[in-house]
Protein backbone atom coordinates (compact mmCIF):
# COMPACT_ATOMS: atom_id res chain seq x y z
CA MET A 1 6.65 -18.30 2.07
CA THR A 2 5.10 -16.11 4.74
CA GLU A 3 2.31 -17.72 6.70
CA VAL A 4 -0.36 -15.32 8.00
CA LEU A 5 -2.75 -16.38 10.75
CA PHE A 6 -5.90 -14.35 11.38
CA TYR A 7 -7.28 -14.75 14.91
CA HIS A 8 -10.89 -13.60 15.20
CA LEU A 9 -11.43 -12.57 18.81
CA GLN A 10 -14.99 -12.63 20.10
CA ASN A 11 -15.81 -12.25 23.78
CA MET A 12 -12.09 -12.34 24.53
CA SER A 13 -9.36 -9.75 24.77
CA VAL A 14 -5.89 -9.41 23.31
CA GLU A 15 -4.65 -9.53 26.92
CA SER A 16 -6.04 -13.05 27.36
CA VAL A 17 -5.04 -14.40 23.93
CA LEU A 18 -1.60 -12.88 23.31
CA PRO A 19 0.46 -14.28 26.24
CA PRO A 20 -0.14 -17.99 25.45
CA LEU A 21 0.59 -17.36 21.76
CA LEU A 22 3.84 -15.60 22.68
CA GLU A 23 4.80 -18.46 24.99
CA LYS A 24 4.25 -20.98 22.17
CA SER A 25 6.35 -18.85 19.84
CA LEU A 26 9.23 -18.79 22.31
CA GLU A 27 8.93 -22.56 22.89
CA ARG A 28 9.50 -22.97 19.15
CA GLY A 29 12.63 -20.83 19.32
CA TRP A 30 11.14 -17.91 17.43
CA ARG A 31 11.91 -14.25 18.00
CA VAL A 32 8.82 -12.06 18.07
CA VAL A 33 7.87 -8.45 17.52
CA VAL A 34 4.40 -7.28 18.59
CA GLN A 35 3.13 -4.13 16.87
CA SER A 36 0.37 -1.98 18.33
CA THR A 37 -0.91 1.37 17.12
CA SER A 38 -0.23 3.49 20.22
CA GLU A 39 2.48 3.91 22.81
CA GLU A 40 -0.12 3.79 25.58
CA ARG A 41 -1.36 0.41 24.39
CA ALA A 42 2.18 -0.97 24.09
CA ASP A 43 2.95 0.25 27.62
CA ALA A 44 -0.22 -1.35 28.98
CA LEU A 45 0.69 -4.65 27.31
CA ASP A 46 4.22 -4.40 28.68
CA ALA A 47 2.84 -4.12 32.22
CA HIS A 48 0.33 -6.91 31.59
CA LEU A 49 2.93 -9.36 30.28
CA TRP A 50 4.87 -9.05 33.55
CA THR A 51 1.83 -9.85 35.68
CA TYR A 52 -0.66 -11.91 33.63
CA ARG A 53 0.16 -15.12 35.49
CA ASP A 54 1.95 -15.72 38.78
CA ASP A 55 3.68 -18.91 37.66
CA SER A 56 5.04 -17.65 34.37
CA PHE A 57 7.83 -15.48 33.07
CA LEU A 58 7.61 -14.08 29.57
CA PRO A 59 10.83 -12.26 28.66
CA HIS A 60 10.06 -9.11 26.71
CA ALA A 61 10.72 -5.39 26.44
CA THR A 62 9.56 -2.32 24.57
CA TRP A 63 11.32 -0.64 21.67
CA ARG A 64 12.66 1.99 24.12
CA VAL A 65 15.27 -0.27 25.72
CA GLY A 66 18.89 0.07 24.73
CA ASP A 67 19.27 -3.64 23.97
CA ALA A 68 16.16 -4.09 21.81
CA GLU A 69 18.09 -6.30 19.41
CA ASP A 70 18.65 -8.85 22.21
CA GLN A 71 15.00 -9.18 23.25
CA PRO A 72 13.14 -12.41 22.38
CA VAL A 73 9.82 -10.51 22.39
CA LEU A 74 9.71 -6.82 21.57
CA LEU A 75 6.68 -4.54 21.80
CA THR A 76 6.64 -1.66 19.33
CA VAL A 77 4.44 0.85 17.53
CA ALA A 78 6.59 1.02 14.40
CA GLU A 79 7.12 -1.25 11.40
CA THR A 80 10.74 -1.77 12.40
CA ASN A 81 12.19 -5.12 13.43
CA PRO A 82 15.04 -4.26 15.83
CA ASN A 83 15.24 -7.74 17.40
CA HIS A 84 15.35 -9.49 14.00
CA ALA A 85 12.11 -11.34 14.72
CA ASN A 86 10.87 -14.01 12.36
CA VAL A 87 7.31 -13.73 13.73
CA ARG A 88 5.28 -10.53 13.85
CA PHE A 89 2.04 -10.05 15.78
CA LEU A 90 -0.23 -7.21 14.71
CA ILE A 91 -2.82 -5.94 17.19
CA ASP A 92 -5.21 -2.99 17.40
CA ASN A 93 -5.56 -2.83 13.62
CA ALA A 94 -1.84 -2.32 13.05
CA ALA A 95 -1.13 -2.37 9.33
CA LEU A 96 0.85 -5.04 7.54
CA PRO A 97 4.47 -3.93 7.28
CA GLU A 98 5.95 -3.27 3.86
CA ASP A 99 8.49 -6.04 4.42
CA SER A 100 5.86 -8.67 5.33
CA GLU A 101 7.52 -11.27 3.13
CA ARG A 102 10.60 -11.23 5.40
CA TYR A 103 8.69 -12.93 8.22
CA GLU A 104 8.10 -16.65 8.53
CA ARG A 105 4.80 -15.96 10.23
CA MET A 106 2.55 -13.01 10.92
CA VAL A 107 -0.37 -13.18 13.33
CA LEU A 108 -3.21 -10.67 13.16
CA LEU A 109 -5.40 -10.52 16.25
CA PHE A 110 -8.61 -8.63 15.56
CA ASN A 111 -11.73 -7.83 17.54
CA GLY A 112 -14.68 -9.54 15.88
CA ASP A 113 -17.09 -7.26 17.73
CA ASP A 114 -15.62 -4.11 16.14
CA ALA A 115 -16.77 -3.23 12.61
CA ASP A 116 -13.59 -1.24 11.87
CA ALA A 117 -11.40 -4.13 13.02
CA LEU A 118 -13.35 -6.56 10.83
CA ALA A 119 -13.01 -4.28 7.81
CA SER A 120 -9.29 -3.87 8.45
CA ALA A 121 -8.84 -7.65 8.77
CA ARG A 122 -10.71 -8.25 5.52
CA LEU A 123 -8.45 -5.79 3.69
CA ALA A 124 -5.38 -7.43 5.20
CA TRP A 125 -6.66 -10.88 4.15
CA THR A 126 -7.12 -9.71 0.56
CA ASP A 127 -3.68 -8.07 0.56
CA CYS A 128 -2.02 -11.21 1.94
CA LYS A 129 -3.75 -13.45 -0.60
CA SER A 130 -2.70 -11.16 -3.45
CA ARG A 131 0.92 -11.39 -2.28
CA GLY A 132 0.75 -15.17 -2.37
CA PHE A 133 1.03 -15.66 1.39
CA GLU A 134 -0.43 -18.75 2.99
CA VAL A 135 -3.39 -17.44 5.02
CA THR A 136 -5.48 -19.20 7.64
CA TYR A 137 -8.44 -18.05 9.70
CA TRP A 138 -8.84 -19.09 13.35
CA GLN A 139 -11.82 -18.73 15.65
CA ALA A 140 -12.43 -20.06 19.15
CA ASP A 141 -15.09 -22.72 19.60
CA GLU A 142 -17.59 -22.91 22.48
CA GLN A 143 -14.91 -24.39 24.75
CA GLY A 144 -12.43 -21.63 23.91
CA ARG A 145 -10.19 -23.84 21.75
CA TRP A 146 -8.85 -22.34 18.56
CA ARG A 147 -10.20 -23.98 15.42
CA ARG A 148 -9.15 -23.37 11.87
CA ARG A 149 -12.08 -22.23 9.74
CA ASP A 150 -12.24 -22.49 5.98
């Protein structure tokens, strides 16, 4: 069954939240695809993932590379899954892919300070529940630790 995690970002950016989540995914041996809604945003994330921390290396590429199928983390703007990922991250209000049930886990990062992002996340939550996916909602506490909310 597909597990869908909703991360409600408030006073934090995708750039600060995504890299540690990607690192944890790779530590677990998962392959990941990250879907954004614009090429510019994907390119900005690509640059950020190379430089976000001096003491870290996060192997990744964009969908444009010739060996996309070999990449452990692939940034894309399409619903495709060229690296055969079992985990899909959706950012910038990217829509759930039609083949959502093929993933072990999907992670939706949404901006809690943006009314459109909240509305999109609510629709995605309802859609995921209706498909029988296991959904959880996560929000950072005062110390910045992620806590599951019911």
